[in-house]
N, C-alpha and C. Protein backbone atom coordinates (compact mmCIF):
# COMPACT_ATOMS: atom_id res chain seq x y z
N UNK A 1 102.20 103.40 82.05
CA UNK A 1 103.06 102.31 82.47
C UNK A 1 102.72 101.11 81.53
N UNK A 2 103.84 100.59 80.98
CA UNK A 2 103.65 99.41 80.07
C UNK A 2 103.62 98.18 81.01
N UNK A 3 103.13 97.06 80.31
CA UNK A 3 102.98 95.84 81.14
C UNK A 3 104.22 95.35 81.83
N UNK A 4 105.35 95.53 81.18
CA UNK A 4 106.62 95.16 81.94
C UNK A 4 106.86 95.91 83.14
N UNK A 5 106.55 97.23 83.07
CA UNK A 5 106.70 98.03 84.19
C UNK A 5 105.69 97.66 85.38
N UNK A 6 104.51 97.41 84.96
CA UNK A 6 103.49 96.93 85.93
C UNK A 6 103.89 95.59 86.65
N UNK A 7 104.45 94.71 85.76
CA UNK A 7 104.89 93.40 86.50
C UNK A 7 106.02 93.76 87.49
N UNK A 8 106.91 94.59 87.15
CA UNK A 8 108.04 94.81 88.02
C UNK A 8 107.60 95.59 89.24
N UNK A 9 106.63 96.58 89.06
CA UNK A 9 106.12 97.19 90.23
C UNK A 9 105.34 96.30 91.20
N UNK A 10 104.58 95.43 90.58
CA UNK A 10 103.94 94.29 91.39
C UNK A 10 104.84 93.41 92.13
N UNK A 11 105.86 93.01 91.47
CA UNK A 11 106.82 92.17 92.15
C UNK A 11 107.56 92.89 93.32
N UNK A 12 107.85 94.20 93.14
CA UNK A 12 108.44 94.99 94.12
C UNK A 12 107.45 95.20 95.31
N UNK A 13 106.11 95.37 95.04
CA UNK A 13 105.16 95.53 96.07
C UNK A 13 105.01 94.29 96.91
N UNK A 14 104.93 93.16 96.23
CA UNK A 14 104.78 91.81 96.90
C UNK A 14 105.99 91.63 97.77
N UNK A 15 107.22 91.93 97.32
CA UNK A 15 108.43 91.73 98.12
C UNK A 15 108.35 92.61 99.35
N UNK A 16 107.82 93.91 99.23
CA UNK A 16 107.63 94.73 100.40
C UNK A 16 106.60 94.10 101.42
N UNK A 17 105.50 93.50 100.86
CA UNK A 17 104.58 92.92 101.78
C UNK A 17 105.16 91.69 102.51
N UNK A 18 106.00 90.91 101.68
CA UNK A 18 106.67 89.85 102.32
C UNK A 18 107.61 90.28 103.48
N UNK A 19 108.32 91.42 103.23
CA UNK A 19 109.19 91.99 104.22
C UNK A 19 108.46 92.50 105.48
N UNK A 20 107.21 93.09 105.23
CA UNK A 20 106.41 93.60 106.32
C UNK A 20 105.94 92.36 107.16
N UNK A 21 105.57 91.28 106.53
CA UNK A 21 105.23 90.15 107.36
C UNK A 21 106.32 89.56 108.07
N UNK A 22 107.56 89.48 107.53
CA UNK A 22 108.66 89.01 108.20
C UNK A 22 109.04 89.89 109.45
N UNK A 23 109.03 91.22 109.24
CA UNK A 23 109.29 92.13 110.38
C UNK A 23 108.18 91.97 111.42
N UNK A 24 106.96 91.85 111.04
CA UNK A 24 105.79 91.71 111.95
C UNK A 24 106.06 90.52 112.86
N UNK A 25 106.51 89.38 112.28
CA UNK A 25 106.71 88.20 113.06
C UNK A 25 107.92 88.42 113.97
N UNK A 26 109.01 89.18 113.58
CA UNK A 26 110.18 89.49 114.47
C UNK A 26 109.70 90.30 115.63
N UNK A 27 108.79 91.29 115.38
CA UNK A 27 108.26 92.13 116.54
C UNK A 27 107.41 91.29 117.43
N UNK A 28 106.61 90.40 116.92
CA UNK A 28 105.78 89.52 117.86
C UNK A 28 106.63 88.69 118.62
N UNK A 29 107.68 88.11 118.09
CA UNK A 29 108.57 87.21 118.85
C UNK A 29 109.30 88.07 119.97
N UNK A 30 109.86 89.22 119.52
CA UNK A 30 110.54 90.06 120.47
C UNK A 30 109.68 90.55 121.60
N UNK A 31 108.43 90.79 121.32
CA UNK A 31 107.42 91.31 122.34
C UNK A 31 107.07 90.28 123.33
N UNK A 32 107.24 89.02 123.01
CA UNK A 32 106.94 87.90 123.92
C UNK A 32 107.90 87.67 125.05
N UNK A 33 109.08 88.36 124.93
CA UNK A 33 110.11 88.24 126.00
C UNK A 33 109.65 89.00 127.19
N UNK A 34 109.67 88.39 128.38
CA UNK A 34 109.40 89.05 129.58
C UNK A 34 110.41 88.67 130.70
N UNK A 35 110.74 89.73 131.35
CA UNK A 35 111.70 89.53 132.45
C UNK A 35 111.03 90.08 133.73
N UNK A 36 111.15 89.33 134.86
CA UNK A 36 110.53 89.82 136.14
C UNK A 36 111.19 91.03 136.66
N UNK A 37 112.47 91.30 136.30
CA UNK A 37 113.28 92.34 136.81
C UNK A 37 113.00 93.58 135.83
N UNK A 38 112.39 94.66 136.26
CA UNK A 38 111.98 95.65 135.39
C UNK A 38 113.12 96.34 134.59
N UNK A 39 114.24 96.49 135.14
CA UNK A 39 115.37 97.09 134.49
C UNK A 39 115.92 96.23 133.34
N UNK A 40 116.01 94.94 133.60
CA UNK A 40 116.42 93.97 132.48
C UNK A 40 115.42 93.95 131.38
N UNK A 41 114.07 93.97 131.79
CA UNK A 41 113.00 93.99 130.86
C UNK A 41 113.06 95.14 129.98
N UNK A 42 113.25 96.33 130.56
CA UNK A 42 113.35 97.56 129.79
C UNK A 42 114.62 97.54 128.85
N UNK A 43 115.70 97.08 129.40
CA UNK A 43 116.92 97.02 128.54
C UNK A 43 116.65 96.10 127.28
N UNK A 44 116.01 95.02 127.56
CA UNK A 44 115.73 94.05 126.48
C UNK A 44 114.80 94.63 125.42
N UNK A 45 113.78 95.41 125.85
CA UNK A 45 112.91 96.09 124.94
C UNK A 45 113.75 97.09 124.16
N UNK A 46 114.60 97.89 124.79
CA UNK A 46 115.43 98.83 124.05
C UNK A 46 116.33 98.20 123.10
N UNK A 47 116.99 97.08 123.45
CA UNK A 47 117.96 96.50 122.68
C UNK A 47 117.35 95.56 121.57
N UNK A 48 116.29 94.90 121.90
CA UNK A 48 115.70 93.89 120.90
C UNK A 48 114.44 94.48 120.16
N UNK A 49 113.52 95.00 120.92
CA UNK A 49 112.26 95.25 120.34
C UNK A 49 112.22 96.55 119.50
N UNK A 50 112.73 97.63 120.10
CA UNK A 50 112.73 98.98 119.44
C UNK A 50 113.33 98.92 118.02
N UNK A 51 114.47 98.28 117.82
CA UNK A 51 115.02 98.21 116.46
C UNK A 51 114.13 97.43 115.40
N UNK A 52 113.54 96.47 115.92
CA UNK A 52 112.70 95.59 115.08
C UNK A 52 111.27 96.35 114.77
N UNK A 53 110.92 97.16 115.74
CA UNK A 53 109.76 97.97 115.48
C UNK A 53 110.06 99.09 114.44
N UNK A 54 111.27 99.63 114.58
CA UNK A 54 111.64 100.63 113.68
C UNK A 54 111.71 100.17 112.14
N UNK A 55 112.28 98.97 112.01
CA UNK A 55 112.29 98.36 110.68
C UNK A 55 110.93 98.05 110.16
N UNK A 56 110.00 97.54 111.02
CA UNK A 56 108.62 97.33 110.63
C UNK A 56 107.99 98.59 110.16
N UNK A 57 108.09 99.64 110.98
CA UNK A 57 107.53 100.94 110.63
C UNK A 57 108.00 101.47 109.27
N UNK A 58 109.42 101.35 109.06
CA UNK A 58 109.91 101.86 107.81
C UNK A 58 109.28 101.15 106.57
N UNK A 59 109.10 99.90 106.67
CA UNK A 59 108.52 99.26 105.60
C UNK A 59 106.99 99.56 105.48
N UNK A 60 106.31 99.66 106.53
CA UNK A 60 104.89 99.99 106.61
C UNK A 60 104.67 101.43 106.05
N UNK A 61 105.57 102.40 106.40
CA UNK A 61 105.49 103.72 105.83
C UNK A 61 105.65 103.67 104.32
N UNK A 62 106.65 102.92 103.83
CA UNK A 62 106.96 102.79 102.40
C UNK A 62 105.69 102.29 101.64
N UNK A 63 105.10 101.16 102.21
CA UNK A 63 103.89 100.61 101.61
C UNK A 63 102.70 101.58 101.64
N UNK A 64 102.51 102.30 102.68
CA UNK A 64 101.43 103.24 102.80
C UNK A 64 101.71 104.30 101.71
N UNK A 65 102.88 104.75 101.39
CA UNK A 65 103.11 105.73 100.38
C UNK A 65 102.81 105.28 99.00
N UNK A 66 102.79 103.86 98.84
CA UNK A 66 102.55 103.38 97.46
C UNK A 66 101.05 103.15 97.27
N UNK A 67 100.24 103.04 98.32
CA UNK A 67 98.84 102.62 98.24
C UNK A 67 98.07 103.95 98.20
N UNK A 68 97.05 104.16 97.24
CA UNK A 68 96.24 105.26 97.32
C UNK A 68 95.52 105.42 98.70
N UNK A 69 95.34 106.57 99.18
CA UNK A 69 94.65 106.84 100.37
C UNK A 69 93.19 106.24 100.38
N UNK A 70 92.61 106.24 99.28
CA UNK A 70 91.20 105.69 99.17
C UNK A 70 91.25 104.25 99.39
N UNK A 71 92.25 103.58 99.18
CA UNK A 71 92.43 102.07 99.46
C UNK A 71 92.98 101.68 100.68
N UNK A 72 93.74 102.58 101.35
CA UNK A 72 94.39 102.29 102.56
C UNK A 72 93.47 102.11 103.69
N UNK A 73 93.34 100.91 104.32
CA UNK A 73 92.31 100.59 105.36
C UNK A 73 92.54 101.22 106.73
N UNK A 74 93.72 101.72 107.00
CA UNK A 74 94.03 102.28 108.29
C UNK A 74 94.16 103.75 108.34
N UNK A 75 94.03 104.50 109.38
CA UNK A 75 94.22 105.88 109.44
C UNK A 75 95.71 106.20 109.07
N UNK A 76 95.92 107.24 108.22
CA UNK A 76 97.22 107.59 107.92
C UNK A 76 97.76 108.44 108.96
N UNK A 77 99.10 108.79 108.96
CA UNK A 77 99.68 109.58 109.94
C UNK A 77 99.04 110.97 109.98
N UNK A 78 98.75 111.44 108.70
CA UNK A 78 98.06 112.71 108.63
C UNK A 78 96.73 112.72 109.32
N UNK A 79 95.98 111.62 109.06
CA UNK A 79 94.67 111.46 109.75
C UNK A 79 94.84 111.56 111.22
N UNK A 80 95.85 110.91 111.73
CA UNK A 80 96.09 110.81 113.20
C UNK A 80 96.51 112.16 113.68
N UNK A 81 97.29 112.85 112.99
CA UNK A 81 97.82 114.16 113.46
C UNK A 81 96.69 115.29 113.50
N UNK A 82 95.69 115.08 112.67
CA UNK A 82 94.66 116.09 112.66
C UNK A 82 93.35 115.58 113.07
N UNK A 83 93.32 114.65 114.02
CA UNK A 83 92.04 114.15 114.61
C UNK A 83 91.37 115.30 115.24
N UNK A 84 90.09 115.30 115.15
CA UNK A 84 89.22 116.36 115.78
C UNK A 84 88.46 115.73 116.89
């Protein structure tokens, strides 16, 4: 990889981390919503929180695929699937 490609890859990675942070904030905000009526609360989670969590997971999965397993600080999906 030449220096120009390295700079481009780093900028793309930083943009993904920024996106991950933005989606994390959105999930945190959406998860703070509470409704005393269980059905309205569940509907709100389904309508607001689940899509935000899906976007967060998609970015997290992409970042995980770019970071070597030896540097990834969390258990990977593979690790979780094959827990003993």
